Amino acid sequence: MKSNVVQHQTDIRADIMLIDEMITLNQEGLTFYNQAMTYVEDYNLKRIFSTKANIHQRMLRRFEQLRPLSSEPLHGLSHTIPVTYTQATKLLHQCHISQAMAALVVIEQQVLTQMKQAVRQAHQPQLANQLAEGAAWLQISCDGMSSLNPG
């Protein structure tokens, strides 16, 4: 009996770590896309960046709602998120739009891969459903971004 309780607590901690990772990932994406809209003049890019920011904001809100209020932050225990928008930001600043878009497609594929991995790691069905829904949103927006940047 005690091992079931311990396993349940371990599963809960693992899910909290996943939620924390998804919160961080979406905060980073939201910040980047809100800033990126100010770097471009093209209407289609502004629209795509706005859509991406909205997706990250929506997911951020949902993951924050899943996070138990009583849980302390697990800083240092979660995995380091390797996604970074730094290169894309530099390219946008330098007005290398096609290179920035190519970098963003790679970054968004990394984010999508992380979301899909998190779906498989989640223990709570509600968390798995939120992750799967977020992955679907990201997949649709990645497809749109890829189609805008051929090659």
Protein backbone atom coordinates (compact mmCIF):
# COMPACT_ATOMS: atom_id res chain seq x y z
CA MET A 1 0.00 0.00 0.00
CA LYS A 2 2.72 2.44 0.92
CA SER A 3 4.53 1.90 -2.38
CA ASN A 4 1.35 2.95 -4.24
CA VAL A 5 1.24 6.16 -2.19
CA VAL A 6 4.92 6.82 -2.87
CA GLN A 7 4.43 6.12 -6.59
CA HIS A 8 1.42 8.44 -6.68
CA GLN A 9 3.44 11.22 -5.02
CA THR A 10 6.27 10.61 -7.49
CA ASP A 11 3.81 10.82 -10.40
CA ILE A 12 2.37 14.07 -9.04
CA ARG A 13 5.85 15.59 -8.68
CA ALA A 14 6.72 14.50 -12.24
CA ASP A 15 3.53 16.09 -13.57
CA ILE A 16 4.26 19.32 -11.67
CA MET A 17 7.72 19.35 -13.25
CA LEU A 18 6.11 18.93 -16.69
CA ILE A 19 3.68 21.77 -15.96
CA ASP A 20 6.56 23.99 -14.81
CA GLU A 21 8.48 23.20 -18.01
CA MET A 22 5.46 23.99 -20.17
CA ILE A 23 4.88 27.27 -18.29
CA THR A 24 8.50 28.30 -18.88
CA LEU A 25 8.38 27.20 -22.52
CA ASN A 26 5.20 29.16 -23.19
CA GLN A 27 6.40 32.26 -21.31
CA GLU A 28 9.49 32.27 -23.50
CA GLY A 29 7.44 31.86 -26.69
CA LEU A 30 4.92 34.52 -25.67
CA THR A 31 7.66 37.03 -24.90
CA PHE A 32 9.46 36.34 -28.16
CA TYR A 33 6.41 36.59 -30.43
CA ASN A 34 5.13 39.75 -28.76
CA GLN A 35 8.53 41.35 -29.37
CA ALA A 36 8.90 39.85 -32.85
CA MET A 37 5.74 41.63 -34.03
CA THR A 38 7.52 44.95 -33.49
CA TYR A 39 10.50 43.89 -35.66
CA VAL A 40 8.61 43.19 -38.89
CA GLU A 41 6.58 45.30 -41.28
CA ASP A 42 5.04 42.48 -43.33
CA TYR A 43 1.35 41.98 -42.56
CA ASN A 44 1.51 38.19 -42.97
CA LEU A 45 4.43 37.90 -40.54
CA LYS A 46 2.72 40.15 -38.01
CA ARG A 47 -0.40 37.98 -38.29
CA ILE A 48 1.57 34.75 -37.83
CA PHE A 49 3.51 36.19 -34.88
CA SER A 50 0.28 37.42 -33.32
CA THR A 51 -1.29 33.98 -33.74
CA LYS A 52 1.79 32.33 -32.20
CA ALA A 53 1.70 34.76 -29.26
CA ASN A 54 -2.00 34.00 -28.72
CA ILE A 55 -1.34 30.24 -28.78
CA HIS A 56 1.46 30.56 -26.22
CA GLN A 57 -0.68 32.83 -24.05
CA ARG A 58 -3.62 30.41 -24.16
CA MET A 59 -1.41 27.44 -23.28
CA LEU A 60 0.33 29.41 -20.54
CA ARG A 61 -3.01 30.25 -18.95
CA ARG A 62 -4.16 26.62 -19.09
CA PHE A 63 -0.94 25.21 -17.62
CA GLU A 64 -0.97 27.82 -14.86
CA GLN A 65 -4.51 26.68 -13.99
CA LEU A 66 -3.34 23.05 -13.80
CA ARG A 67 -0.49 23.93 -11.46
CA PRO A 68 -1.50 23.09 -7.88
CA LEU A 69 -1.44 26.25 -5.81
CA SER A 70 -0.07 24.40 -2.82
CA SER A 71 2.98 23.14 -4.70
CA GLU A 72 6.24 24.93 -4.26
CA PRO A 73 8.26 25.74 -7.36
CA LEU A 74 10.58 22.90 -8.24
CA HIS A 75 13.48 25.07 -9.38
CA GLY A 76 16.54 23.01 -10.11
CA LEU A 77 14.58 19.78 -10.43
CA SER A 78 13.03 20.30 -13.85
CA HIS A 79 14.87 19.68 -17.08
CA THR A 80 16.57 22.59 -18.75
CA ILE A 81 14.55 23.67 -21.74
CA PRO A 82 16.90 23.81 -24.72
CA VAL A 83 14.65 26.01 -26.83
CA THR A 84 15.91 29.52 -27.33
CA TYR A 85 14.70 32.32 -29.53
CA THR A 86 17.99 34.24 -29.28
CA GLN A 87 19.21 33.47 -32.81
CA ALA A 88 15.84 34.32 -34.36
CA THR A 89 15.75 37.60 -32.41
CA LYS A 90 19.20 38.56 -33.72
CA LEU A 91 18.21 37.74 -37.29
CA LEU A 92 15.00 39.77 -37.01
CA HIS A 93 16.94 42.73 -35.58
CA GLN A 94 19.30 42.50 -38.55
CA CYS A 95 16.32 42.33 -40.96
CA HIS A 96 17.31 38.86 -42.21
CA ILE A 97 13.68 37.83 -42.33
CA SER A 98 13.98 34.64 -44.40
CA GLN A 99 16.83 33.36 -42.21
CA ALA A 100 14.88 34.27 -39.08
CA MET A 101 11.84 32.40 -40.36
CA ALA A 102 13.96 29.34 -41.15
CA ALA A 103 15.37 29.48 -37.61
CA LEU A 104 11.87 29.87 -36.17
CA VAL A 105 10.62 26.81 -38.04
CA VAL A 106 13.43 24.78 -36.43
CA ILE A 107 12.70 26.27 -32.99
CA GLU A 108 8.97 25.61 -33.27
CA GLN A 109 9.64 22.01 -34.31
CA GLN A 110 11.73 21.65 -31.12
CA VAL A 111 8.89 23.09 -29.04
CA LEU A 112 6.42 20.74 -30.74
CA THR A 113 8.70 17.75 -30.06
CA GLN A 114 8.92 18.74 -26.38
CA MET A 115 5.13 18.99 -26.18
CA LYS A 116 4.68 15.57 -27.77
CA GLN A 117 7.21 14.04 -25.37
CA ALA A 118 5.43 15.66 -22.45
CA VAL A 119 2.11 14.11 -23.57
CA ARG A 120 3.71 10.66 -23.26
CA GLN A 121 5.22 11.49 -19.86
CA ALA A 122 2.10 12.93 -18.24
CA HIS A 123 0.40 10.82 -15.57
CA GLN A 124 -2.82 12.82 -15.13
CA PRO A 125 -5.32 12.49 -17.99
CA GLN A 126 -6.26 16.19 -17.73
CA LEU A 127 -2.61 17.20 -18.13
CA ALA A 128 -2.12 14.80 -21.04
CA ASN A 129 -5.21 16.25 -22.74
CA GLN A 130 -3.99 19.85 -22.29
CA LEU A 131 -0.57 18.90 -23.66
CA ALA A 132 -2.10 17.10 -26.65
CA GLU A 133 -4.35 20.06 -27.40
CA GLY A 134 -1.38 22.42 -27.16
CA ALA A 135 0.64 20.18 -29.47
CA ALA A 136 -2.20 20.28 -32.01
CA TRP A 137 -2.31 24.10 -31.88
CA LEU A 138 1.44 24.26 -32.31
CA GLN A 139 1.37 21.78 -35.20
CA ILE A 140 -1.18 23.89 -37.08
CA SER A 141 0.81 27.09 -36.52
CA CYS A 142 4.09 25.35 -37.45
CA ASP A 143 2.53 24.17 -40.70
CA GLY A 144 1.41 27.74 -41.44
CA MET A 145 4.84 29.11 -40.66
CA SER A 146 6.55 26.45 -42.80
CA SER A 147 4.29 27.17 -45.76
CA LEU A 148 5.15 30.88 -45.57
CA ASN A 149 8.87 30.10 -45.65
CA PRO A 150 9.47 27.57 -48.45
CA GLY A 151 12.77 25.88 -48.63
